[in-house]
Structure formats: C-alpha cells, structure tokens
Amino acid sequence: MDTTLRDGEQTSGVSFSETEKLSIAKILLEEVKIDYLEIASARVSEGEFRAAQKVIEWASKAGYRDRIEILGFVDGGTSLNWIKDAGGEVMNLLTKGSHRHLTQQLKKSTEQHIQDIRETVSRAGEMGIRVNIYLEDWSNGMRHSPDYVEKLLDGLKDEPIQRIMLPDTLGILSPLETFEFCRMMIEKFPKMNFDFHAHNDYDLSVANVEAAIRAGINCVHTTVNGLGERAGNAPLASVIALLNDHLKRPNSVNERKLAMVSRLVESFSGVRIPTNKPVIGENVFTQTSGIHADGDKKDQLYFNELLPERFGRTRKYALGKTSGKANIAKNLEEMGVHLDPDDLKKVTEKIIELGDRKESVTAEDLPYILSDVLKSESIIQHIELKNYAISHALGLRPMATVRISIDGNEYEEATSGDGQYDAFMNALRQIYHKLNKPFPALSDYTVTIPPGGNTDALVETLITWRMGREFKTRGLDPDQTAAAIKATMKMLNIVENDNQVF
C-alpha cells in the first residue's frame, strides 16, 4: 500500500493540490500498479474532501474504487460520514496500539476503547464501508505493553476487520525487534491479516520492511521518495528493489515507472530527491571513479543486480577530478569522438584540473573542453548573444530585450516574464517561434552558491533541458541571472550543432 497522498503530506511544507493528488493517484494505480492507495485523512479540510472526491470519482470509473483507502478516527461516526460523502468504501481506522497512548491521550480503559472500535466497525458495516485498523504506536506497545496489544486484538478478532496495520509510528524498531514482534502477531492471531508500516527515524525503514516480510507479513506501506513526517517513511522504489532482488517476492509493481513517479512527486512536493537516493537518485547509476569505468568496459566488473535499464534509466560515467581516461573515453564514445592516447591524456588532465577547482563538468561541457584543449572545431558557435537588457521594478513585471546572432543574422525581441530570467527566456522563445525553430523544455534548474557570505562569489547555475534527450549545461558568474543566461546560450549552441549534424 502506498500512503504518499496521506502520510506523505505530513512532510513539513508539503501539500498536494486536488489536481496533483489525482495525477499521482492515476500513475500509482495505472502505471506503477500498486495494490492499495491511501489518499486522505478524514475531517482535515474542504480541500482534502474535494481532492478525495475527485480521486474516488476517477477510481470508480477506472475500476479501482475498492483499492482507495482513507484514514478515519473513532469519533462517533463523523469520519464515516465524511468518507461516505466523498464516495469512499474503505476506512483505515486509527486506534491506540500502546497502553500509554490509550491512557494518556484518550483517558480511557482498554475495555472502553474496544467497545468504541466495535461500534465504529458496526456502523461502517451498515454504511457499506469496509474497515482496516491502524494500531498507532504499536511498536512502543510491543516494547512496553504487549499484554495490552494482545488484549486489544483478542477483543477485535471476531470483528469484520479486513487488515490490521502495525505501524512503527516513531521509527524506533530494529530489524530484530520488527521480526520478533511481527512473528508474535502472526502466531497469536493466525486468522488476521497484518500490514507493516515503517518510519525511518533511525534510517532502518527498508531493513525493517525486510524483517517484517521475512516474519510473514504480506502487505507493507511505502511512500514515493520516502516522504513522511520527521525522517519519512519507507521509500517505494527501495522496497520494490528489495522485494525483487533480496526476497524474490512476486509483486505487481512496474519497476520502469518508479523513476517517473518519483520525479513527478518531487516536482509537486518541492522536496528534492537526494542525488545519492537509492534507485531513483541522479547519481546512483553514475560511475565516478576511473577504475570503475575501466572495469565496466572490460567485463562489467562494477555492475550489480540494480541495472539502470530496469528502472527506465541508463548508466553514466561522471567527469571530475577522480575521472580516469576510461570515464572520459566512455563519454566521448557516446558523442562519436575517438581520440588518440596523447589527446585523451590532455583532455583528462584538463577535467581533473577543473575538478580540483570544484567546478562541475557535464558531458555537454566536453565539446568546449575539446575545443579549448585541442584547439579543435568540435563545437561551432553558431549562436551568439549580442546584447541583452533586463529591468525589474517594484510593482511591474520584469522586462527583457534580447538580441542574438544565428550564423551571422541578428534577431531581437522584447517581452516580459514572471522573473528576470523568465523574461529573457520568453524573448528567446519568441525569436525561435518566429523562425519556426524547436526550443528545448527546461526540466530542472539548480543554483549553487559557495558558503562564506561573500556577495561577489561565483554562482554556478546548472540547468537540465529536454528535447528528444535530456542534457545539462552550466553557467558561472557572480550574478545568478547572468550565470543562467550563460548556461542557456551553451544549450542553444549544443542544440544548433545537433541540428547541423542531422
């Protein structure tokens, strides 16, 4: 079960719009093919209600309505009415899984809590709503009040409850504890169906998921990119890789769609994926060490089962101060360039020099490095920025006037934008539109500013573009907008050179 649209929204600063929730739900169910999707918490807000309605309306038409679940509460039927009005059929009922939570938060006895749950389950049945139960703080319950947990489940074992959800609410468990506690639940209550819900406070969520499955749990909870409160939840992509490679457990998930949904959720949430995030991070299929690239070239010596093609990705070879000739040769081969040993050595030394200065080097920088080091014509400057003027005034939209030269012919446009760089880009787009020339889409934009507080420090802008393929260009300048403009002009020449070739 994926809980991105409910638990993921408990990430600080994250709130999905109605349209975003629907888009994520469609991809998770139709393309990634997860089994269950928890989409909302009852009673949160009007926006949450509208989003739940929208997702359920689509799910009903698409045949997924029985796989949509909503978190509800023991509240005298208020949550049930909310879920019913939204069109839901399944409630995940939040109950107390530890004696401390029961007595300190609810101020009730075990018997009272069991009776309240029974009444809620009975009312749900009358309304045509199926019920699963979360045992909130179950992990602490098993550590400090296992008799309470057993008594609670004894009191509910004959109720029409579909699944009992065992959350490590505060992310405290070790894999050994997870295995032991889950095994105890299964052995004591063999007729019940259990889920395991991991949190990542000790960076053990995926390890705990593995332990739970080895103990006999058949359903685990994840979120895309590991979103969630505090340190987050078990990340979907890592759990699927674990299921497929370590546990050899059949499942319905389409691995090739994991990177796509991860990028979508990154965009909607505003929470960037760490570059070293397993399976989905930008660098996880990138070899940086020269000796690794050499081993791959000779017999794939540094490959493991996590082949990038499984996830719709490709292996890359980074360029930097640890790059060897094999790394650089791999990148040059993709460009169709072959250098003799002496020239390859010169280019390697230049890239190492740039790396020592902490300058990042992308594959798209290689033609410029070749041109500089070998004095070659590997990239021709078809496009030049002749002039530009950018203005920004309080209360007015930023304006940009841009004049460029394409193979000696000059073109000029002036327009506004939401920011100075946006205005510059809009002027370029107008020029390209009038010339009926394709213009790449900007898919990512990062700015690196060195620490230290110096206002005249160089700013590095790294922009990712997409037009048939994905590529990156960078610009370096004390002014952030100027750095972005330099990266953009480099992009235009790369595209122009590609077009000249083809």
Protein backbone atom coordinates (compact mmCIF):
# COMPACT_ATOMS: atom_id res chain seq x y z
CA MET A 1 0.00 0.00 0.00
CA ASP A 2 1.29 3.47 -0.84
CA THR A 3 0.47 6.32 1.53
CA THR A 4 2.11 9.25 -0.30
CA LEU A 5 -1.15 11.18 -0.61
CA ARG A 6 -1.88 10.88 3.12
CA ASP A 7 1.27 10.16 5.15
CA GLY A 8 3.45 11.91 2.56
CA GLU A 9 1.53 15.13 3.16
CA GLN A 10 2.73 15.04 6.76
CA THR A 11 6.15 16.05 5.43
CA SER A 12 6.80 19.57 6.66
CA GLY A 13 5.79 22.09 3.98
CA VAL A 14 4.16 19.55 1.63
CA SER A 15 0.57 19.93 0.48
CA PHE A 16 -0.74 18.48 -2.77
CA SER A 17 -3.48 20.22 -4.73
CA GLU A 18 -6.57 18.36 -5.93
CA THR A 19 -5.16 18.04 -9.44
CA GLU A 20 -1.78 16.89 -8.15
CA LYS A 21 -3.37 14.22 -5.98
CA LEU A 22 -5.37 12.93 -8.92
CA SER A 23 -2.30 12.85 -11.17
CA ILE A 24 -0.25 10.93 -8.59
CA ALA A 25 -3.12 8.51 -7.91
CA LYS A 26 -3.54 7.75 -11.62
CA ILE A 27 0.15 6.99 -12.11
CA LEU A 28 0.47 4.89 -8.95
CA LEU A 29 -2.55 2.74 -9.76
CA GLU A 30 -2.48 2.59 -13.57
CA GLU A 31 1.24 2.63 -14.36
CA VAL A 32 3.22 1.76 -11.24
CA LYS A 33 0.44 -0.72 -10.35
CA ILE A 34 0.48 -0.67 -6.56
CA ASP A 35 -2.18 -2.72 -4.75
CA TYR A 36 -3.74 -0.15 -2.37
CA LEU A 37 -3.62 3.64 -2.16
CA GLU A 38 -4.33 5.69 0.94
CA ILE A 39 -5.39 9.10 -0.35
CA ALA A 40 -6.51 11.29 2.55
CA SER A 41 -7.30 11.84 6.22
CA ALA A 42 -10.96 12.41 7.02
CA ARG A 43 -12.05 15.75 8.51
CA VAL A 44 -8.84 17.62 7.58
CA SER A 45 -10.17 20.35 5.29
CA GLU A 46 -12.55 21.18 2.48
CA GLY A 47 -9.66 20.92 0.04
CA GLU A 48 -8.87 17.42 1.29
CA PHE A 49 -12.52 16.44 0.84
CA ARG A 50 -12.67 17.76 -2.74
CA ALA A 51 -9.41 16.00 -3.58
CA ALA A 52 -10.72 12.72 -2.17
CA GLN A 53 -13.94 13.10 -4.16
CA LYS A 54 -12.01 13.76 -7.35
CA VAL A 55 -9.72 10.75 -6.90
CA ILE A 56 -12.59 8.42 -5.96
CA GLU A 57 -14.73 9.59 -8.88
CA TRP A 58 -11.91 8.74 -11.29
CA ALA A 59 -11.13 5.47 -9.48
CA SER A 60 -14.78 4.38 -9.70
CA LYS A 61 -14.80 4.83 -13.46
CA ALA A 62 -11.40 3.14 -13.85
CA GLY A 63 -12.28 0.13 -11.68
CA TYR A 64 -10.00 0.99 -8.73
CA ARG A 65 -12.54 2.21 -6.17
CA ASP A 66 -12.10 -0.78 -3.84
CA ARG A 67 -8.36 -0.06 -3.68
CA ILE A 68 -8.78 3.52 -2.43
CA GLU A 69 -8.49 3.92 1.35
CA ILE A 70 -8.97 6.88 3.71
CA LEU A 71 -7.70 7.37 7.26
CA GLY A 72 -10.52 7.80 9.77
CA PHE A 73 -10.97 8.11 13.53
CA VAL A 74 -13.00 6.71 16.43
CA ASP A 75 -15.19 9.81 16.57
CA GLY A 76 -18.82 8.73 16.82
CA GLY A 77 -19.31 8.40 13.07
CA THR A 78 -18.02 11.79 11.88
CA SER A 79 -15.19 10.22 9.87
CA LEU A 80 -17.51 7.59 8.43
CA ASN A 81 -19.92 10.26 7.20
CA TRP A 82 -17.00 12.20 5.67
CA ILE A 83 -15.76 9.09 3.86
CA LYS A 84 -19.26 8.13 2.70
CA ASP A 85 -19.94 11.62 1.35
CA ALA A 86 -16.61 11.54 -0.51
CA GLY A 87 -17.63 8.26 -2.15
CA GLY A 88 -15.16 6.07 -0.25
CA GLU A 89 -15.60 2.39 0.51
CA VAL A 90 -12.64 1.68 2.82
CA MET A 91 -11.66 3.31 6.11
CA ASN A 92 -8.30 2.81 7.82
CA LEU A 93 -9.39 3.36 11.42
CA LEU A 94 -6.81 4.92 13.73
CA THR A 95 -6.79 3.22 17.12
CA LYS A 96 -4.32 3.11 20.00
CA GLY A 97 -1.62 0.44 19.78
CA SER A 98 0.09 1.24 23.09
CA HIS A 99 -1.32 1.45 26.61
CA ARG A 100 0.45 4.75 27.18
CA HIS A 101 -1.25 6.38 24.20
CA LEU A 102 -4.59 4.98 25.31
CA THR A 103 -4.42 6.23 28.88
CA GLN A 104 -2.57 9.50 28.35
CA GLN A 105 -4.25 10.66 25.13
CA LEU A 106 -7.73 9.12 25.20
CA LYS A 107 -8.03 8.78 29.00
CA LYS A 108 -9.95 5.52 28.52
CA SER A 109 -9.71 1.91 29.61
CA THR A 110 -8.90 -0.94 27.26
CA GLU A 111 -12.49 -2.19 27.50
CA GLN A 112 -13.90 1.23 26.61
CA HIS A 113 -11.58 1.51 23.60
CA ILE A 114 -12.53 -1.95 22.35
CA GLN A 115 -16.22 -1.07 22.67
CA ASP A 116 -15.75 2.22 20.79
CA ILE A 117 -13.94 0.41 17.97
CA ARG A 118 -16.64 -2.26 17.75
CA GLU A 119 -19.34 0.39 17.49
CA THR A 120 -17.42 2.17 14.71
CA VAL A 121 -16.88 -1.09 12.80
CA SER A 122 -20.57 -1.97 13.16
CA ARG A 123 -21.68 1.44 11.92
CA ALA A 124 -19.25 1.20 8.99
CA GLY A 125 -20.79 -2.13 8.01
CA GLU A 126 -24.27 -0.59 8.00
CA MET A 127 -22.95 2.15 5.69
CA GLY A 128 -21.27 -0.30 3.32
CA ILE A 129 -17.75 0.76 4.33
CA ARG A 130 -15.04 -1.86 4.93
CA VAL A 131 -12.61 -1.29 7.80
CA ASN A 132 -8.87 -1.78 8.33
CA ILE A 133 -7.32 -0.80 11.66
CA TYR A 134 -4.12 1.11 12.41
CA LEU A 135 -2.65 0.31 15.83
CA GLU A 136 -0.98 3.68 16.38
CA ASP A 137 2.30 3.45 18.35
CA TRP A 138 2.16 -0.37 18.06
CA SER A 139 5.97 -0.63 18.23
CA ASN A 140 6.07 1.04 21.65
CA GLY A 141 3.07 -1.05 22.62
CA MET A 142 5.03 -4.23 21.88
CA ARG A 143 8.05 -2.95 23.78
CA HIS A 144 6.29 -1.71 26.90
CA SER A 145 2.72 -3.07 27.00
CA PRO A 146 2.48 -6.29 24.96
CA ASP A 147 -0.33 -7.58 27.20
CA TYR A 148 -2.40 -4.54 26.19
CA VAL A 149 -1.81 -5.18 22.46
CA GLU A 150 -2.83 -8.82 22.89
CA LYS A 151 -5.93 -7.90 24.87
CA LEU A 152 -6.95 -5.31 22.28
CA LEU A 153 -6.67 -7.77 19.39
CA ASP A 154 -8.39 -10.51 21.39
CA GLY A 155 -11.31 -8.13 21.74
CA LEU A 156 -11.40 -7.43 18.00
CA LYS A 157 -10.54 -10.80 16.46
CA ASP A 158 -14.14 -11.67 15.68
CA GLU A 159 -14.98 -8.29 14.15
CA PRO A 160 -15.27 -7.92 10.32
CA ILE A 161 -11.91 -6.17 10.03
CA GLN A 162 -10.04 -6.67 6.75
CA ARG A 163 -6.43 -5.88 7.76
CA ILE A 164 -4.63 -4.92 10.98
CA MET A 165 -1.92 -2.31 10.31
CA LEU A 166 1.16 -2.45 12.54
CA PRO A 167 2.92 0.94 12.48
CA ASP A 168 6.36 1.71 13.84
CA THR A 169 4.93 5.19 14.41
CA LEU A 170 8.09 6.75 15.83
CA GLY A 171 10.57 4.74 13.78
CA ILE A 172 12.14 3.13 16.86
CA LEU A 173 12.41 -0.54 15.91
CA SER A 174 15.46 -2.53 14.91
CA PRO A 175 15.12 -5.27 12.29
CA LEU A 176 15.44 -7.93 15.01
CA GLU A 177 12.60 -6.39 17.03
CA THR A 178 10.48 -5.98 13.91
CA PHE A 179 10.89 -9.65 13.05
CA GLU A 180 10.10 -10.81 16.60
CA PHE A 181 7.07 -8.53 17.07
CA CYS A 182 5.55 -9.31 13.67
CA ARG A 183 6.09 -13.03 14.18
CA MET A 184 4.34 -12.82 17.57
CA MET A 185 1.31 -11.14 15.97
CA ILE A 186 1.05 -13.77 13.23
CA GLU A 187 1.44 -16.70 15.61
CA LYS A 188 -1.06 -15.40 18.19
CA PHE A 189 -3.65 -14.29 15.66
CA PRO A 190 -3.25 -16.58 12.62
CA LYS A 191 -6.64 -15.68 11.15
CA MET A 192 -5.89 -11.95 10.99
CA ASN A 193 -4.22 -10.20 8.04
CA PHE A 194 -1.41 -7.87 9.04
CA ASP A 195 0.30 -4.91 7.32
CA PHE A 196 3.57 -3.30 8.43
CA HIS A 197 4.05 0.49 8.31
CA ALA A 198 7.66 1.67 8.77
CA HIS A 199 9.11 5.07 9.64
CA ASN A 200 12.73 5.99 9.03
CA ASP A 201 13.95 7.84 12.13
CA TYR A 202 16.97 5.54 12.53
CA ASP A 203 17.37 5.02 8.78
CA LEU A 204 16.11 1.45 9.22
CA SER A 205 12.74 1.61 7.47
CA VAL A 206 13.71 -0.59 4.50
CA ALA A 207 15.59 -3.04 6.73
CA ASN A 208 12.53 -3.24 8.97
CA VAL A 209 10.29 -3.87 5.97
CA GLU A 210 12.53 -6.78 5.01
CA ALA A 211 12.34 -8.16 8.57
CA ALA A 212 8.54 -7.83 8.60
CA ILE A 213 8.20 -9.71 5.31
CA ARG A 214 10.55 -12.46 6.47
CA ALA A 215 8.37 -12.77 9.58
CA GLY A 216 5.34 -13.43 7.38
CA ILE A 217 3.79 -10.00 6.74
CA ASN A 218 2.19 -9.87 3.28
CA CYS A 219 1.47 -6.14 2.90
CA VAL A 220 3.85 -3.25 3.59
CA HIS A 221 3.34 0.50 3.38
CA THR A 222 5.54 2.92 1.43
CA THR A 223 5.63 6.48 0.20
CA VAL A 224 7.14 7.81 -3.02
CA ASN A 225 10.64 9.18 -2.30
CA GLY A 226 10.20 8.23 1.37
CA LEU A 227 8.08 11.31 2.11
CA GLY A 228 6.56 11.47 5.58
CA GLU A 229 6.72 13.05 8.99
CA ARG A 230 10.16 13.67 10.51
CA ALA A 231 12.63 11.37 8.70
CA GLY A 232 9.88 9.99 6.48
CA ASN A 233 8.58 6.54 5.60
CA ALA A 234 9.92 3.52 3.74
CA PRO A 235 10.59 4.66 0.13
CA LEU A 236 8.62 2.84 -2.56
CA ALA A 237 11.49 2.33 -5.01
CA SER A 238 13.86 0.86 -2.43
CA VAL A 239 11.20 -1.52 -1.11
CA ILE A 240 10.40 -2.81 -4.60
CA ALA A 241 14.10 -3.39 -5.33
CA LEU A 242 14.30 -5.27 -2.02
CA LEU A 243 11.27 -7.42 -2.86
CA ASN A 244 12.58 -8.29 -6.30
CA ASP A 245 16.28 -8.86 -5.59
CA HIS A 246 16.67 -9.93 -1.96
CA LEU A 247 13.35 -11.53 -1.11
CA LYS A 248 12.36 -12.76 -4.59
CA ARG A 249 8.74 -11.95 -3.78
CA PRO A 250 6.37 -11.59 -6.76
CA ASN A 251 4.54 -8.29 -6.85
CA SER A 252 2.54 -6.19 -9.26
CA VAL A 253 4.74 -3.09 -9.36
CA ASN A 254 6.19 -1.94 -12.69
CA GLU A 255 9.81 -1.02 -11.93
CA ARG A 256 10.24 1.02 -15.11
CA LYS A 257 7.72 3.58 -13.85
CA LEU A 258 9.34 4.19 -10.45
CA ALA A 259 11.71 6.94 -11.62
CA MET A 260 8.87 8.71 -13.42
CA VAL A 261 6.54 8.83 -10.41
CA SER A 262 9.47 9.85 -8.20
CA ARG A 263 10.22 12.87 -10.39
CA LEU A 264 6.54 13.79 -10.52
CA VAL A 265 6.22 13.72 -6.73
CA GLU A 266 9.50 15.65 -6.42
CA SER A 267 8.02 18.36 -8.63
CA PHE A 268 4.67 18.52 -6.83
CA SER A 269 6.08 18.31 -3.30
CA GLY A 270 9.02 20.65 -3.76
CA VAL A 271 11.18 18.16 -1.82
CA ARG A 272 14.23 17.38 -3.94
CA ILE A 273 15.42 13.81 -4.29
CA PRO A 274 18.95 13.45 -2.85
CA THR A 275 21.38 12.68 -5.65
CA ASN A 276 22.51 9.53 -3.83
CA LYS A 277 18.98 8.25 -3.10
CA PRO A 278 18.98 4.51 -3.93
CA VAL A 279 17.33 3.52 -7.24
CA ILE A 280 15.95 6.98 -8.08
CA GLY A 281 18.76 9.43 -7.19
CA GLU A 282 20.56 11.15 -10.04
CA ASN A 283 23.96 9.67 -9.15
CA VAL A 284 23.06 6.08 -8.27
CA PHE A 285 23.77 4.77 -11.76
CA THR A 286 26.76 7.04 -12.30
CA GLN A 287 30.30 5.73 -12.02
CA THR A 288 32.75 8.44 -10.97
CA SER A 289 35.93 6.50 -10.35
CA GLY A 290 38.09 5.91 -13.39
CA ILE A 291 38.97 2.38 -12.27
CA HIS A 292 35.27 1.52 -12.11
CA ALA A 293 34.69 2.74 -15.65
CA ASP A 294 37.69 0.71 -16.79
CA GLY A 295 36.30 -2.41 -15.08
CA ASP A 296 32.88 -1.90 -16.66
CA LYS A 297 34.44 -1.55 -20.09
CA LYS A 298 36.42 -4.77 -19.73
CA ASP A 299 33.76 -7.08 -18.26
CA GLN A 300 31.08 -5.10 -16.40
CA LEU A 301 33.07 -5.70 -13.21
CA TYR A 302 31.26 -2.98 -11.24
CA PHE A 303 27.67 -3.86 -12.20
CA ASN A 304 25.22 -5.32 -9.68
CA GLU A 305 21.63 -6.55 -9.98
CA LEU A 306 20.33 -2.98 -9.87
CA LEU A 307 20.72 -2.41 -13.58
CA PRO A 308 19.51 1.06 -14.55
CA GLU A 309 17.55 -0.27 -17.54
CA ARG A 310 15.17 -1.99 -15.11
CA PHE A 311 14.04 1.42 -13.95
CA GLY A 312 13.97 3.15 -17.32
CA ARG A 313 17.36 4.75 -16.75
CA THR A 314 20.88 4.50 -18.20
CA ARG A 315 24.35 4.14 -16.73
CA LYS A 316 26.52 7.25 -16.84
CA TYR A 317 30.18 7.99 -16.28
CA ALA A 318 30.83 11.20 -14.37
CA LEU A 319 33.52 13.72 -15.19
CA GLY A 320 35.61 15.18 -12.40
CA LYS A 321 38.93 15.00 -10.61
CA THR A 322 38.58 11.25 -9.96
CA SER A 323 37.81 10.58 -13.62
CA GLY A 324 40.22 8.38 -15.46
CA LYS A 325 40.72 8.02 -19.16
CA ALA A 326 38.10 5.27 -19.25
CA ASN A 327 35.38 7.62 -17.93
CA ILE A 328 36.21 10.26 -20.47
CA ALA A 329 36.52 7.77 -23.31
CA LYS A 330 33.03 6.42 -22.46
CA ASN A 331 31.53 9.90 -22.73
CA LEU A 332 33.42 10.68 -25.93
CA GLU A 333 32.24 7.42 -27.50
CA GLU A 334 28.63 8.49 -26.94
CA MET A 335 29.47 11.66 -28.90
CA GLY A 336 31.09 9.63 -31.67
CA VAL A 337 34.51 11.10 -30.86
CA HIS A 338 37.66 8.96 -30.66
CA LEU A 339 40.96 10.49 -29.51
CA ASP A 340 44.47 9.16 -29.72
CA PRO A 341 46.18 8.44 -26.37
CA ASP A 342 48.06 11.75 -26.23
CA ASP A 343 44.95 13.87 -26.85
CA LEU A 344 42.92 11.79 -24.40
CA LYS A 345 45.58 12.41 -21.78
CA LYS A 346 45.40 16.20 -22.34
CA VAL A 347 41.62 16.24 -22.02
CA THR A 348 41.80 14.07 -18.89
CA GLU A 349 44.28 16.46 -17.28
CA LYS A 350 42.01 19.44 -18.04
CA ILE A 351 38.97 17.76 -16.48
CA ILE A 352 40.99 16.84 -13.37
CA GLU A 353 42.16 20.45 -13.14
CA LEU A 354 38.56 21.70 -13.29
CA GLY A 355 37.57 19.18 -10.64
CA ASP A 356 40.33 20.37 -8.33
CA ARG A 357 38.82 23.87 -8.61
CA LYS A 358 35.46 22.39 -7.54
CA GLU A 359 33.92 23.12 -10.92
CA SER A 360 31.36 20.56 -12.03
CA VAL A 361 31.80 19.12 -15.51
CA THR A 362 28.94 17.66 -17.54
CA ALA A 363 29.05 15.60 -20.70
CA GLU A 364 27.78 18.67 -22.54
CA ASP A 365 30.93 20.54 -21.48
CA LEU A 366 33.15 18.08 -23.33
CA PRO A 367 32.93 19.75 -26.76
CA TYR A 368 34.02 23.05 -25.20
CA ILE A 369 36.87 21.35 -23.37
CA LEU A 370 37.95 19.64 -26.59
CA SER A 371 37.84 22.95 -28.40
CA ASP A 372 39.86 24.65 -25.68
CA VAL A 373 42.46 21.95 -25.06
CA LEU A 374 42.92 20.62 -28.59
CA LYS A 375 42.15 23.88 -30.40
CA SER A 376 39.66 21.90 -32.45
CA GLU A 377 36.41 22.86 -34.08
CA SER A 378 34.41 20.22 -32.25
CA ILE A 379 31.72 22.76 -31.45
CA ILE A 380 30.96 25.77 -33.59
CA GLN A 381 29.44 28.86 -32.03
CA HIS A 382 26.50 29.22 -34.40
CA ILE A 383 24.64 31.41 -31.93
CA GLU A 384 25.98 34.47 -30.13
CA LEU A 385 24.36 36.70 -27.57
CA LYS A 386 24.94 40.19 -28.94
CA ASN A 387 23.09 42.29 -26.33
CA TYR A 388 20.51 42.00 -23.62
CA ALA A 389 18.87 44.38 -21.19
CA ILE A 390 16.82 43.25 -18.20
CA SER A 391 14.79 45.54 -15.95
CA HIS A 392 12.92 44.90 -12.74
CA ALA A 393 10.83 47.49 -10.94
CA LEU A 394 8.60 47.24 -7.88
CA GLY A 395 5.01 46.51 -8.87
CA LEU A 396 5.85 45.90 -12.55
CA ARG A 397 6.62 42.71 -14.44
CA PRO A 398 10.31 42.23 -15.30
CA MET A 399 11.18 43.09 -18.89
CA ALA A 400 13.93 41.77 -21.18
CA THR A 401 15.20 42.88 -24.56
CA VAL A 402 17.41 40.29 -26.25
CA ARG A 403 19.42 40.37 -29.46
CA ILE A 404 21.13 37.22 -30.73
CA SER A 405 23.03 36.29 -33.86
CA ILE A 406 22.38 32.97 -35.62
CA ASP A 407 25.01 32.23 -38.28
CA GLY A 408 25.58 35.97 -38.73
CA ASN A 409 21.90 37.01 -38.90
CA GLU A 410 20.66 39.10 -35.98
CA TYR A 411 17.25 38.86 -34.30
CA GLU A 412 15.78 40.93 -31.49
CA GLU A 413 12.71 40.64 -29.28
CA ALA A 414 11.43 42.28 -26.10
CA THR A 415 8.94 40.77 -23.66
CA SER A 416 8.01 40.42 -20.00
CA GLY A 417 8.12 37.47 -17.60
CA ASP A 418 7.49 36.33 -14.07
CA GLY A 419 11.16 36.97 -13.27
CA GLN A 420 14.22 38.37 -14.98
CA TYR A 421 15.38 35.03 -16.33
CA ASP A 422 11.83 34.11 -17.36
CA ALA A 423 11.60 37.36 -19.30
CA PHE A 424 14.92 36.57 -21.02
CA MET A 425 13.68 33.10 -21.92
CA ASN A 426 10.38 34.43 -23.24
CA ALA A 427 12.27 36.77 -25.59
CA LEU A 428 14.34 33.84 -26.86
CA ARG A 429 11.24 31.72 -27.35
CA GLN A 430 9.64 34.49 -29.41
CA ILE A 431 12.67 34.60 -31.68
CA TYR A 432 12.69 30.85 -32.11
CA HIS A 433 8.94 30.72 -32.65
CA LYS A 434 9.13 33.27 -35.47
CA LEU A 435 11.98 31.29 -37.04
CA ASN A 436 10.00 28.05 -36.61
CA LYS A 437 12.93 26.52 -34.73
CA PRO A 438 12.47 23.96 -31.92
CA PHE A 439 13.21 25.15 -28.40
CA PRO A 440 14.05 22.71 -25.56
CA ALA A 441 11.96 22.47 -22.39
CA LEU A 442 13.64 23.42 -19.13
CA SER A 443 13.13 20.47 -16.75
CA ASP A 444 15.35 21.41 -13.80
CA TYR A 445 17.27 24.42 -12.53
CA THR A 446 19.73 24.38 -9.64
CA VAL A 447 21.88 27.13 -8.22
CA THR A 448 25.00 26.53 -6.13
CA ILE A 449 26.30 29.41 -4.05
CA PRO A 450 29.51 28.85 -2.08
CA PRO A 451 29.29 29.33 1.70
CA GLY A 452 31.00 32.20 3.40
CA GLY A 453 28.68 35.12 2.77
CA ASN A 454 30.72 36.82 0.03
CA THR A 455 28.28 38.65 -2.22
CA ASP A 456 30.78 38.71 -5.10
CA ALA A 457 31.34 34.94 -5.08
CA LEU A 458 30.82 33.00 -8.28
CA VAL A 459 27.39 31.41 -8.65
CA GLU A 460 27.05 28.14 -10.57
CA THR A 461 23.77 27.55 -12.36
CA LEU A 462 23.13 24.03 -13.67
CA ILE A 463 20.13 23.68 -15.97
CA THR A 464 18.63 20.44 -17.25
CA TRP A 465 16.98 20.55 -20.66
CA ARG A 466 14.86 18.07 -22.57
CA MET A 467 14.41 17.85 -26.31
CA GLY A 468 14.40 14.26 -27.51
CA ARG A 469 17.09 13.57 -24.92
CA GLU A 470 17.95 15.07 -21.54
CA PHE A 471 21.14 17.11 -21.16
CA LYS A 472 22.64 19.70 -18.83
CA THR A 473 24.52 22.94 -19.23
CA ARG A 474 26.09 25.16 -16.62
CA GLY A 475 27.00 28.80 -16.30
CA LEU A 476 29.37 30.50 -13.87
CA ASP A 477 29.10 34.18 -12.94
CA PRO A 478 28.86 36.40 -9.83
CA ASP A 479 25.30 37.23 -10.95
CA GLN A 480 22.79 34.37 -10.80
CA THR A 481 20.78 35.55 -13.81
CA ALA A 482 23.94 36.03 -15.86
CA ALA A 483 25.08 32.52 -14.91
CA ALA A 484 21.73 31.13 -16.08
CA ILE A 485 22.00 33.07 -19.35
CA LYS A 486 25.47 31.63 -19.98
CA ALA A 487 24.10 28.11 -19.41
CA THR A 488 21.25 28.89 -21.80
CA MET A 489 23.50 30.11 -24.60
CA LYS A 490 25.60 26.99 -24.24
CA MET A 491 22.39 24.96 -24.59
CA LEU A 492 21.38 26.79 -27.78
CA ASN A 493 24.72 26.03 -29.42
CA ILE A 494 24.54 22.37 -28.43
CA VAL A 495 21.08 22.13 -30.00
CA GLU A 496 22.20 24.03 -33.09
CA ASN A 497 25.21 21.75 -33.54
CA ASP A 498 22.97 18.70 -33.18
CA ASN A 499 20.66 20.11 -35.84
CA GLN A 500 23.59 20.84 -38.15
CA VAL A 501 24.75 17.23 -37.82
CA PHE A 502 21.34 15.76 -38.52
